[in-house]
Amino acid sequence: MRDAVREPSLTASKDAPVGGQAVLEGVMMRGVKHWAVAVRKPAADQADGSPADDAALGDIEVQEFKFAERKRLRALSRIPILRGVIALVESLGIGFKALSIAASAQLGEEAEELSGGLWIAIMVVAFALAIGLFFVLPVTLVNLIKHQLGSSVLFWLVEGALRTVLLLGYLTLLSRMRDLRRVFEYHGAEHKTISCYEAGDELTPERAAQYSRLHPRCGTSFLLVVMIVSIFVFALAGLHAWWILVVTRIVGVPVIIGISFELIKWAGRNRRRRWVQVLMYPGLQLQRLTTREPSLDQLEVAIAALNAVLAHETPGAFDAAELVGVEVVA
C-alpha cells in the first residue's frame, strides 16, 4: 500500500559526488567510478506492462556498471567551463542508457527493438529541438521587433525573459501530464535519497522520507541558471543581423552550459551560506514542477540504486586526483 508522507523540510548541509536520474518505474544513481539502475518490475499479474500500482508491487531489479577509464579526458576535465560540457555529454549518454534499461524492464521484448543507435538519434534530435525552442525561437521573435525596442540592452533582456517564459511554460505543461507523474515521484525519491546520504543519515525509506524533495544540484535548477547566464553571455556577442544572432545562440550553448555547471557545483558546496540559499531559492522552487512526494516503495527503489553504487565505492573517501573531472548533478 502506498505510504502517505507529508512534505518534509530536512536538507543536507554538505555536498557529495553522487547524483542520479529518474527513469520509468525506477532510479539511476551514479558515483565517481560506478553507476547503477534500480527498477521496480511489473507484478506477475501485470502482463500488459502497465506501471506498478500500490496493490501489486513487483521485485526490484538492479543493474550495476563501471565507468570506462577516462585518462585521455583527465587533462581536459581539469579546465573550468569545459569540464561541465564534458560532464553533460557523459550524463546524457548514461541517462539514455538508463532509460533504455528501465524501458526493457517494463516493456520486455517491445523495448529490445530500440537499438543503441536509435537512442543516440533520439538524444541528438531532443538536443536539437531544445536549442531550437529555447535559443533560436526567442531570438527570432525578438528580432522581429528589434527596431521598436531601440536598445541592445532591452533586446537582450526581452529575449532572456521570453526564453525563461518558454522554459516555465514547458515545465508546467510537463507537470500536468498524468503519464509523467510517477516519473516525477521517482525524481523526488532520488533527491531525498541523495540528501539522506549527504546528511550521513541511515539509508532507509522511512529516514529518506524526512528529507526535502528539492536539491540544489538538480538539473531543473540547472536549466534556470542556463536561462539567466545566457542573458549575460549573449550580451557580449553584440547585436547583429538575424542569421548572425542565430549562429551565436547555437555556438554559445556549450559556453553557457559550462558556466552554469560551475555555478551549480559552487552553490552545492556553499549551500550553508544564507545569501547563497537566497540565490538558489528560485531554482529550488522550480523543482516543484518536476518532482512529487514519493511513496516509501519508491524510496526503496532509489535506495537500492544508491546502495549498489556504495557497495563498490565510498565517494567521500576519494582524493582530489580521483575526483578530477567528476561533475555530478543530482
Protein backbone atom coordinates (compact mmCIF):
# COMPACT_ATOMS: atom_id res chain seq x y z
CA MET A 1 0.00 0.00 0.00
CA ARG A 2 1.22 3.46 -0.80
CA ASP A 3 2.52 5.27 2.27
CA ALA A 4 1.38 8.86 2.58
CA VAL A 5 4.14 11.23 3.65
CA ARG A 6 3.74 14.91 4.40
CA GLU A 7 6.11 17.36 2.77
CA PRO A 8 9.26 17.38 4.95
CA SER A 9 11.93 20.01 5.39
CA LEU A 10 15.18 18.24 6.32
CA THR A 11 18.08 19.04 3.99
CA ALA A 12 21.73 18.01 3.84
CA SER A 13 24.34 20.61 4.67
CA LYS A 14 27.20 19.13 2.62
CA ASP A 15 27.79 18.10 -0.97
CA ALA A 16 28.81 14.62 -2.12
CA PRO A 17 29.88 13.36 -5.59
CA VAL A 18 26.71 11.35 -6.12
CA GLY A 19 23.83 12.09 -8.46
CA GLY A 20 21.08 10.44 -10.37
CA GLN A 21 18.08 10.49 -12.64
CA ALA A 22 14.51 9.24 -12.52
CA VAL A 23 13.53 6.65 -15.13
CA LEU A 24 10.42 4.62 -15.89
CA GLU A 25 9.46 2.99 -12.56
CA GLY A 26 12.97 3.41 -11.24
CA VAL A 27 16.06 5.48 -10.49
CA MET A 28 19.60 5.68 -11.85
CA MET A 29 22.31 6.59 -9.35
CA ARG A 30 25.93 7.42 -10.15
CA GLY A 31 29.05 7.89 -8.12
CA VAL A 32 32.69 8.55 -9.00
CA LYS A 33 33.53 5.26 -10.71
CA HIS A 34 30.25 3.31 -10.76
CA TRP A 35 26.60 3.76 -11.62
CA ALA A 36 23.51 1.61 -11.22
CA VAL A 37 19.88 1.44 -12.28
CA ALA A 38 17.16 0.07 -9.99
CA VAL A 39 13.72 -0.62 -11.48
CA ARG A 40 10.53 -1.89 -9.92
CA LYS A 41 9.49 -4.66 -12.31
CA PRO A 42 5.80 -5.23 -13.09
CA ALA A 43 3.99 -7.65 -10.78
CA ALA A 44 3.36 -11.14 -12.12
CA ASP A 45 -0.25 -10.29 -12.98
CA GLN A 46 0.71 -7.17 -14.96
CA ALA A 47 1.20 -8.83 -18.30
CA ASP A 48 0.43 -5.65 -20.20
CA GLY A 49 3.49 -3.91 -18.75
CA SER A 50 1.49 -1.10 -17.13
CA PRO A 51 3.13 0.79 -14.24
CA ALA A 52 3.15 -0.98 -10.91
CA ASP A 53 0.41 0.17 -8.55
CA ASP A 54 0.14 0.10 -4.78
CA ALA A 55 -1.77 -3.17 -4.68
CA ALA A 56 0.70 -5.18 -6.77
CA LEU A 57 4.40 -4.41 -6.44
CA GLY A 58 6.98 -6.39 -8.37
CA ASP A 59 10.57 -7.11 -7.40
CA ILE A 60 13.34 -4.53 -7.64
CA GLU A 61 15.84 -5.30 -10.39
CA VAL A 62 19.28 -3.67 -10.09
CA GLN A 63 21.95 -3.46 -12.78
CA GLU A 64 25.44 -2.17 -11.95
CA PHE A 65 28.05 -0.65 -14.24
CA LYS A 66 31.57 0.74 -14.02
CA PHE A 67 32.70 3.87 -15.85
CA ALA A 68 35.31 3.34 -18.53
CA GLU A 69 38.72 4.78 -17.76
CA ARG A 70 38.89 8.42 -18.84
CA LYS A 71 42.65 9.01 -18.87
CA ARG A 72 42.53 10.94 -22.15
CA LEU A 73 39.87 13.26 -20.75
CA ARG A 74 41.56 13.91 -17.42
CA ALA A 75 43.60 16.84 -18.71
CA LEU A 76 40.54 18.43 -20.31
CA SER A 77 38.47 17.69 -17.22
CA ARG A 78 40.69 20.00 -15.18
CA ILE A 79 39.63 23.01 -17.24
CA PRO A 80 36.71 25.01 -15.80
CA ILE A 81 33.75 25.50 -18.16
CA LEU A 82 34.96 22.73 -20.49
CA ARG A 83 34.63 20.10 -17.76
CA GLY A 84 30.95 20.96 -17.40
CA VAL A 85 30.32 20.33 -21.10
CA ILE A 86 32.17 17.01 -20.93
CA ALA A 87 30.17 16.02 -17.86
CA LEU A 88 26.88 16.90 -19.55
CA VAL A 89 27.66 14.80 -22.62
CA GLU A 90 28.64 11.89 -20.37
CA SER A 91 25.49 12.32 -18.26
CA LEU A 92 23.27 12.35 -21.34
CA GLY A 93 24.84 9.11 -22.55
CA ILE A 94 24.37 7.40 -19.19
CA GLY A 95 20.88 8.83 -18.86
CA PHE A 96 19.66 7.47 -22.16
CA LYS A 97 21.19 4.07 -21.43
CA ALA A 98 19.40 4.07 -18.06
CA LEU A 99 16.12 4.94 -19.80
CA SER A 100 16.65 2.04 -22.18
CA ILE A 101 17.29 -0.38 -19.29
CA ALA A 102 14.15 0.81 -17.49
CA ALA A 103 12.05 0.50 -20.64
CA SER A 104 13.32 -3.03 -21.19
CA ALA A 105 12.42 -3.98 -17.62
CA GLN A 106 8.87 -2.64 -18.03
CA LEU A 107 8.08 -3.45 -21.64
CA GLY A 108 10.22 -6.52 -22.24
CA GLU A 109 10.70 -7.54 -25.87
CA GLU A 110 8.97 -4.42 -27.20
CA ALA A 111 11.77 -2.24 -25.83
CA GLU A 112 14.50 -4.50 -27.20
CA GLU A 113 13.72 -3.18 -30.66
CA LEU A 114 15.17 0.22 -29.66
CA SER A 115 18.81 -0.19 -30.64
CA GLY A 116 21.68 1.84 -29.23
CA GLY A 117 21.87 3.79 -32.48
CA LEU A 118 18.23 4.76 -32.19
CA TRP A 119 18.73 6.02 -28.64
CA ILE A 120 21.64 8.19 -29.86
CA ALA A 121 19.46 9.55 -32.64
CA ILE A 122 16.72 10.35 -30.14
CA MET A 123 19.25 12.16 -27.94
CA VAL A 124 20.55 14.25 -30.86
CA VAL A 125 17.04 15.15 -32.03
CA ALA A 126 15.96 16.06 -28.49
CA PHE A 127 19.01 18.29 -28.02
CA ALA A 128 18.42 19.98 -31.39
CA LEU A 129 14.78 20.64 -30.53
CA ALA A 130 15.78 22.12 -27.17
CA ILE A 131 18.22 24.52 -28.83
CA GLY A 132 15.58 25.46 -31.40
CA LEU A 133 12.86 26.07 -28.81
CA PHE A 134 14.84 27.86 -26.11
CA PHE A 135 17.52 29.68 -28.11
CA VAL A 136 16.67 30.06 -31.82
CA LEU A 137 12.94 30.78 -31.41
CA PRO A 138 13.31 33.56 -28.77
CA VAL A 139 15.98 35.48 -30.69
CA THR A 140 13.97 35.11 -33.90
CA LEU A 141 10.79 36.50 -32.33
CA VAL A 142 12.53 39.39 -30.58
CA ASN A 143 14.43 40.20 -33.78
CA LEU A 144 11.06 40.98 -35.41
CA ILE A 145 10.62 43.92 -33.03
CA LYS A 146 14.29 44.87 -32.75
CA HIS A 147 13.79 48.36 -34.14
CA GLN A 148 10.84 49.05 -31.84
CA LEU A 149 12.93 48.19 -28.78
CA GLY A 150 15.53 50.78 -29.70
CA SER A 151 18.11 49.42 -27.24
CA SER A 152 20.53 46.49 -27.34
CA VAL A 153 20.21 46.06 -23.57
CA LEU A 154 16.42 45.90 -23.84
CA PHE A 155 16.78 43.39 -26.69
CA TRP A 156 18.83 41.02 -24.52
CA LEU A 157 16.50 41.42 -21.54
CA VAL A 158 13.36 40.77 -23.60
CA GLU A 159 14.99 37.78 -25.28
CA GLY A 160 16.09 36.37 -21.92
CA ALA A 161 12.64 36.92 -20.41
CA LEU A 162 10.98 35.19 -23.37
CA ARG A 163 13.40 32.27 -23.12
CA THR A 164 12.62 31.90 -19.42
CA VAL A 165 8.86 32.09 -20.02
CA LEU A 166 9.15 29.33 -22.63
CA LEU A 167 11.03 27.15 -20.12
CA LEU A 168 8.46 27.76 -17.38
CA GLY A 169 5.61 27.03 -19.77
CA TYR A 170 7.30 23.84 -20.96
CA LEU A 171 7.91 22.56 -17.43
CA THR A 172 4.38 23.49 -16.37
CA LEU A 173 2.98 21.53 -19.31
CA LEU A 174 5.08 18.50 -18.38
CA SER A 175 3.98 18.74 -14.75
CA ARG A 176 0.34 18.46 -15.83
CA MET A 177 0.84 15.25 -17.81
CA ARG A 178 -0.56 12.36 -15.79
CA ASP A 179 1.70 9.83 -17.53
CA LEU A 180 4.77 11.59 -16.10
CA ARG A 181 3.54 11.84 -12.53
CA ARG A 182 5.20 8.62 -11.38
CA VAL A 183 8.47 9.65 -13.04
CA PHE A 184 8.33 12.91 -11.07
CA GLU A 185 7.69 10.89 -7.90
CA TYR A 186 10.81 8.83 -8.58
CA HIS A 187 12.64 12.12 -9.21
CA GLY A 188 11.62 13.19 -5.72
CA ALA A 189 12.76 9.82 -4.35
CA GLU A 190 16.16 10.29 -5.99
CA HIS A 191 16.63 13.72 -4.37
CA LYS A 192 15.51 12.55 -0.94
CA THR A 193 17.84 9.56 -1.03
CA ILE A 194 20.84 11.65 -2.06
CA SER A 195 20.12 14.24 0.65
CA CYS A 196 19.75 11.47 3.24
CA TYR A 197 23.14 10.07 2.23
CA GLU A 198 24.78 13.52 2.20
CA ALA A 199 23.46 14.12 5.72
CA GLY A 200 25.08 10.90 6.94
CA ASP A 201 21.67 9.56 7.92
CA GLU A 202 20.55 5.94 7.80
CA LEU A 203 19.55 4.93 4.28
CA THR A 204 16.06 3.62 4.90
CA PRO A 205 12.80 4.67 3.20
CA GLU A 206 11.46 6.00 6.50
CA ARG A 207 14.51 8.22 7.11
CA ALA A 208 14.85 9.36 3.50
CA ALA A 209 11.18 10.39 3.54
CA GLN A 210 12.03 13.06 6.12
CA TYR A 211 14.21 14.99 3.65
CA SER A 212 13.14 17.61 1.15
CA ARG A 213 12.48 16.56 -2.41
CA LEU A 214 14.25 19.76 -3.56
CA HIS A 215 18.01 19.57 -4.14
CA PRO A 216 20.43 22.43 -5.02
CA ARG A 217 22.23 20.37 -7.69
CA CYS A 218 19.08 19.34 -9.57
CA GLY A 219 19.01 19.53 -13.35
CA THR A 220 15.83 21.61 -13.15
CA SER A 221 17.67 24.32 -11.21
CA PHE A 222 20.47 23.98 -13.74
CA LEU A 223 18.06 24.87 -16.56
CA LEU A 224 17.03 28.07 -14.80
CA VAL A 225 20.67 29.02 -14.28
CA VAL A 226 21.24 28.42 -18.01
CA MET A 227 18.44 30.86 -18.83
CA ILE A 228 19.97 33.57 -16.63
CA VAL A 229 23.58 33.01 -17.69
CA SER A 230 22.57 33.14 -21.36
CA ILE A 231 21.46 36.77 -20.99
CA PHE A 232 24.96 37.89 -19.95
CA VAL A 233 26.82 35.66 -22.43
CA PHE A 234 24.75 36.77 -25.42
CA ALA A 235 25.11 40.41 -24.38
CA LEU A 236 28.85 40.04 -25.02
CA ALA A 237 28.12 38.73 -28.53
CA GLY A 238 26.62 42.05 -29.54
CA LEU A 239 23.60 42.92 -31.69
CA HIS A 240 23.87 41.87 -35.34
CA ALA A 241 21.83 40.61 -38.29
CA TRP A 242 19.35 37.83 -37.55
CA TRP A 243 21.41 34.99 -39.00
CA ILE A 244 24.48 36.04 -37.00
CA LEU A 245 22.37 36.17 -33.84
CA VAL A 246 21.14 32.62 -34.52
CA VAL A 247 24.69 31.35 -35.05
CA THR A 248 25.88 32.96 -31.81
CA ARG A 249 22.99 31.35 -29.92
CA ILE A 250 23.87 27.90 -31.22
CA VAL A 251 27.64 28.26 -30.81
CA GLY A 252 27.23 29.85 -27.38
CA VAL A 253 25.27 26.95 -25.89
CA PRO A 254 28.37 24.96 -24.77
CA VAL A 255 29.83 28.07 -23.09
CA ILE A 256 26.58 28.74 -21.25
CA ILE A 257 26.32 25.10 -20.17
CA GLY A 258 29.90 25.14 -18.86
CA ILE A 259 29.42 28.34 -16.86
CA SER A 260 26.07 27.15 -15.46
CA PHE A 261 27.64 23.86 -14.38
CA GLU A 262 30.33 25.69 -12.43
CA LEU A 263 27.71 27.85 -10.70
CA ILE A 264 25.53 24.87 -9.75
CA LYS A 265 28.51 22.98 -8.31
CA TRP A 266 29.65 26.08 -6.42
CA ALA A 267 26.17 26.58 -4.98
CA GLY A 268 26.06 22.97 -3.83
CA ARG A 269 29.37 23.36 -2.00
CA ASN A 270 28.31 26.63 -0.35
CA ARG A 271 24.70 25.79 0.44
CA ARG A 272 25.11 26.73 4.12
CA ARG A 273 25.60 30.42 3.33
CA ARG A 274 22.41 32.41 3.70
CA TRP A 275 22.92 34.61 0.65
CA VAL A 276 23.65 31.53 -1.48
CA GLN A 277 20.39 30.00 -0.27
CA VAL A 278 18.58 33.15 -1.38
CA LEU A 279 20.12 32.87 -4.85
CA MET A 280 19.23 29.18 -5.08
CA TYR A 281 15.63 29.69 -3.93
CA PRO A 282 14.03 30.28 -7.40
CA GLY A 283 15.67 27.15 -8.81
CA LEU A 284 14.60 25.07 -5.83
CA GLN A 285 11.01 26.23 -6.17
CA LEU A 286 11.07 25.39 -9.88
CA GLN A 287 11.72 21.78 -8.86
CA ARG A 288 8.18 21.64 -7.50
CA LEU A 289 7.12 21.26 -11.14
CA THR A 290 9.41 18.30 -11.84
CA THR A 291 9.27 16.42 -8.52
CA ARG A 292 6.47 14.90 -6.47
CA GLU A 293 6.39 13.40 -2.98
CA PRO A 294 7.29 9.70 -3.41
CA SER A 295 5.96 6.70 -1.56
CA LEU A 296 8.15 4.58 0.71
CA ASP A 297 8.11 1.90 -2.00
CA GLN A 298 9.60 4.33 -4.50
CA LEU A 299 12.21 5.44 -1.96
CA GLU A 300 13.13 1.79 -1.56
CA VAL A 301 13.95 1.64 -5.27
CA ALA A 302 16.10 4.79 -5.13
CA ILE A 303 17.97 3.47 -2.09
CA ALA A 304 18.59 0.16 -3.86
CA ALA A 305 20.24 2.05 -6.75
CA LEU A 306 22.44 4.12 -4.42
CA ASN A 307 23.39 1.10 -2.31
CA ALA A 308 24.52 -0.68 -5.47
CA VAL A 309 26.94 2.18 -6.11
CA LEU A 310 28.06 2.39 -2.48
CA ALA A 311 28.79 -1.35 -2.49
CA HIS A 312 31.74 -0.58 -4.77
CA GLU A 313 32.91 2.81 -3.56
CA THR A 314 32.72 5.41 -0.82
CA PRO A 315 32.51 8.79 -2.61
CA GLY A 316 33.80 10.71 0.40
CA ALA A 317 36.98 8.61 0.50
CA PHE A 318 38.31 9.65 -2.91
CA ASP A 319 41.27 12.02 -3.06
CA ALA A 320 41.47 15.15 -5.19
CA ALA A 321 43.23 13.39 -8.07
CA GLU A 322 40.49 10.78 -8.34
CA LEU A 323 37.78 13.45 -8.33
CA VAL A 324 39.23 15.39 -11.26
CA GLY A 325 36.54 15.74 -13.88
CA VAL A 326 33.80 14.31 -11.67
CA GLU A 327 30.92 16.73 -12.11
CA VAL A 328 27.65 15.27 -10.85
CA VAL A 329 24.20 16.81 -10.92
CA ALA A 330 21.53 15.39 -8.61
